[in-house]
């Protein structure tokens, strides 16, 4: 497993994440792992006790995790949101826009590629979870 890239200032969660079903059946877990097919909305009543949500991408072409991230961030989740699995460097900027602030890819990234991925598009066109100001808002304040 490659290293985790974190874009947060708090301490990383040091215990493993449990499945959504396990999380809903217990009261002491603070880390959960969403698999494709899980409904992130089931976690909404419990956001205050979640410190980490891992979203698994078993295949880079499976985009359901992007929706899970947006659902959680738009509902007010402020904890670590980590993309894990088959995460490609080309996806990082899009994942950040959806609210991911940590990445644990199956393969180690070249850090120059990561930097380039985040700098590639300095302007954005629509509002997203990353709260960047859209070019339209900059042009028409």
Protein backbone atom coordinates (compact mmCIF):
# COMPACT_ATOMS: atom_id res chain seq x y z
CA UNK A 1 0.00 0.00 0.00
CA UNK A 2 1.28 3.45 -0.85
CA UNK A 3 1.60 6.33 1.57
CA UNK A 4 -1.38 8.48 2.50
CA UNK A 5 -1.39 12.03 1.16
CA UNK A 6 -3.23 14.33 3.59
CA UNK A 7 -4.27 17.91 3.04
CA UNK A 8 -5.41 18.56 6.62
CA UNK A 9 -3.80 20.01 9.72
CA UNK A 10 -5.32 17.67 12.31
CA UNK A 11 -3.91 14.36 13.50
CA UNK A 12 -4.66 11.30 11.35
CA UNK A 13 -7.06 8.71 12.69
CA UNK A 14 -4.98 5.83 14.02
CA UNK A 15 -7.56 3.03 13.99
CA UNK A 16 -9.06 1.09 11.08
CA UNK A 17 -12.34 1.99 9.46
CA UNK A 18 -15.32 -0.36 9.73
CA UNK A 19 -17.97 -1.09 7.11
CA UNK A 20 -21.08 1.08 6.93
CA UNK A 21 -23.23 -1.76 8.30
CA UNK A 22 -20.84 -2.33 11.22
CA UNK A 23 -20.67 1.38 11.93
CA UNK A 24 -24.45 1.67 12.11
CA UNK A 25 -24.60 -1.30 14.53
CA UNK A 26 -22.17 0.17 17.09
CA UNK A 27 -21.72 3.36 19.04
CA UNK A 28 -17.96 3.61 19.53
CA UNK A 29 -16.61 3.63 15.96
CA UNK A 30 -15.36 6.94 14.55
CA UNK A 31 -14.01 5.70 11.21
CA UNK A 32 -16.04 4.11 8.41
CA UNK A 33 -15.29 2.78 4.93
CA UNK A 34 -17.81 3.29 2.15
CA UNK A 35 -17.80 0.68 -0.59
CA UNK A 36 -19.41 1.11 -4.02
CA UNK A 37 -23.10 0.43 -3.56
CA UNK A 38 -23.20 1.75 0.02
CA UNK A 39 -25.50 4.71 0.56
CA UNK A 40 -23.55 7.58 2.15
CA UNK A 41 -26.84 9.13 3.26
CA UNK A 42 -27.10 6.43 5.95
CA UNK A 43 -24.21 8.18 7.71
CA UNK A 44 -25.80 11.64 7.79
CA UNK A 45 -27.35 11.31 11.28
CA UNK A 46 -23.91 10.32 12.63
CA UNK A 47 -21.59 12.93 11.11
CA UNK A 48 -20.76 14.41 14.52
CA UNK A 49 -19.02 11.22 15.66
CA UNK A 50 -17.11 10.50 12.45
CA UNK A 51 -13.43 11.46 12.34
CA UNK A 52 -12.62 9.55 9.13
CA UNK A 53 -14.59 8.37 6.13
CA UNK A 54 -12.69 6.24 3.65
CA UNK A 55 -14.27 5.89 0.22
CA UNK A 56 -13.09 2.85 -1.69
CA UNK A 57 -12.42 3.05 -5.41
CA UNK A 58 -11.86 -0.60 -6.41
CA UNK A 59 -11.57 0.48 -10.07
CA UNK A 60 -10.60 3.94 -11.29
CA UNK A 61 -13.63 4.07 -13.60
CA UNK A 62 -16.16 3.62 -10.78
CA UNK A 63 -17.33 7.14 -9.99
CA UNK A 64 -19.84 6.39 -7.24
CA UNK A 65 -17.34 7.52 -4.60
CA UNK A 66 -17.44 11.07 -5.96
CA UNK A 67 -21.16 11.19 -5.17
CA UNK A 68 -20.57 9.85 -1.67
CA UNK A 69 -18.02 12.59 -1.03
CA UNK A 70 -20.34 15.34 -2.26
CA UNK A 71 -23.25 14.02 -0.19
CA UNK A 72 -21.17 14.03 2.98
CA UNK A 73 -19.56 17.44 2.45
CA UNK A 74 -22.81 19.10 1.43
CA UNK A 75 -24.40 17.71 4.62
CA UNK A 76 -21.68 19.37 6.71
CA UNK A 77 -19.15 16.60 7.30
CA UNK A 78 -15.84 18.23 8.29
CA UNK A 79 -13.71 15.21 9.18
CA UNK A 80 -11.13 13.52 7.00
CA UNK A 81 -12.49 12.22 3.72
CA UNK A 82 -10.01 9.77 2.22
CA UNK A 83 -10.10 8.23 -1.27
CA UNK A 84 -8.56 4.75 -1.18
CA UNK A 85 -7.86 2.09 -3.76
CA UNK A 86 -7.44 2.51 -7.50
CA UNK A 87 -6.97 6.28 -7.34
CA UNK A 88 -5.07 7.80 -10.26
CA UNK A 89 -3.10 11.04 -10.17
CA UNK A 90 -5.29 12.37 -12.99
CA UNK A 91 -8.31 12.15 -10.68
CA UNK A 92 -6.89 14.10 -7.74
CA UNK A 93 -8.06 17.58 -8.73
CA UNK A 94 -11.61 16.31 -9.36
CA UNK A 95 -11.62 14.41 -6.08
CA UNK A 96 -10.52 17.53 -4.18
CA UNK A 97 -13.37 19.46 -5.81
CA UNK A 98 -15.79 16.84 -4.44
CA UNK A 99 -14.39 17.21 -0.93
CA UNK A 100 -11.65 14.60 -0.56
CA UNK A 101 -8.78 15.87 1.55
CA UNK A 102 -6.72 12.68 1.80
CA UNK A 103 -5.68 9.98 -0.63
CA UNK A 104 -4.38 6.45 -0.14
CA UNK A 105 -3.77 5.07 -3.63
CA UNK A 106 -2.83 1.49 -4.40
CA UNK A 107 0.26 2.77 -6.23
CA UNK A 108 2.67 5.43 -4.95
CA UNK A 109 2.39 8.80 -6.70
CA UNK A 110 5.28 10.85 -8.02
CA UNK A 111 4.96 14.08 -6.02
CA UNK A 112 5.77 16.25 -9.05
CA UNK A 113 2.80 14.67 -10.82
CA UNK A 114 0.61 15.40 -7.80
CA UNK A 115 1.70 19.04 -7.75
CA UNK A 116 1.04 19.32 -11.47
CA UNK A 117 -2.40 17.74 -11.11
CA UNK A 118 -3.46 20.33 -8.53
CA UNK A 119 -2.02 23.28 -10.48
CA UNK A 120 -3.32 22.29 -13.93
CA UNK A 121 -6.57 24.29 -13.83
CA UNK A 122 -6.26 27.42 -11.70
CA UNK A 123 -9.85 28.54 -12.44
CA UNK A 124 -13.11 26.67 -11.95
CA UNK A 125 -16.55 27.19 -13.45
CA UNK A 126 -18.92 25.84 -10.85
CA UNK A 127 -19.35 25.80 -7.09
CA UNK A 128 -18.15 22.61 -5.41
CA UNK A 129 -17.21 21.19 -2.02
CA UNK A 130 -13.70 22.66 -2.16
CA UNK A 131 -15.18 26.18 -1.89
CA UNK A 132 -12.99 27.64 -4.63
CA UNK A 133 -14.47 30.80 -6.12
CA UNK A 134 -15.79 30.22 -9.62
CA UNK A 135 -14.53 32.35 -12.47
CA UNK A 136 -18.08 33.69 -12.94
CA UNK A 137 -18.13 35.00 -9.38
CA UNK A 138 -14.71 36.59 -9.87
CA UNK A 139 -15.89 38.33 -13.04
CA UNK A 140 -19.25 39.44 -11.65
CA UNK A 141 -18.84 40.15 -7.91
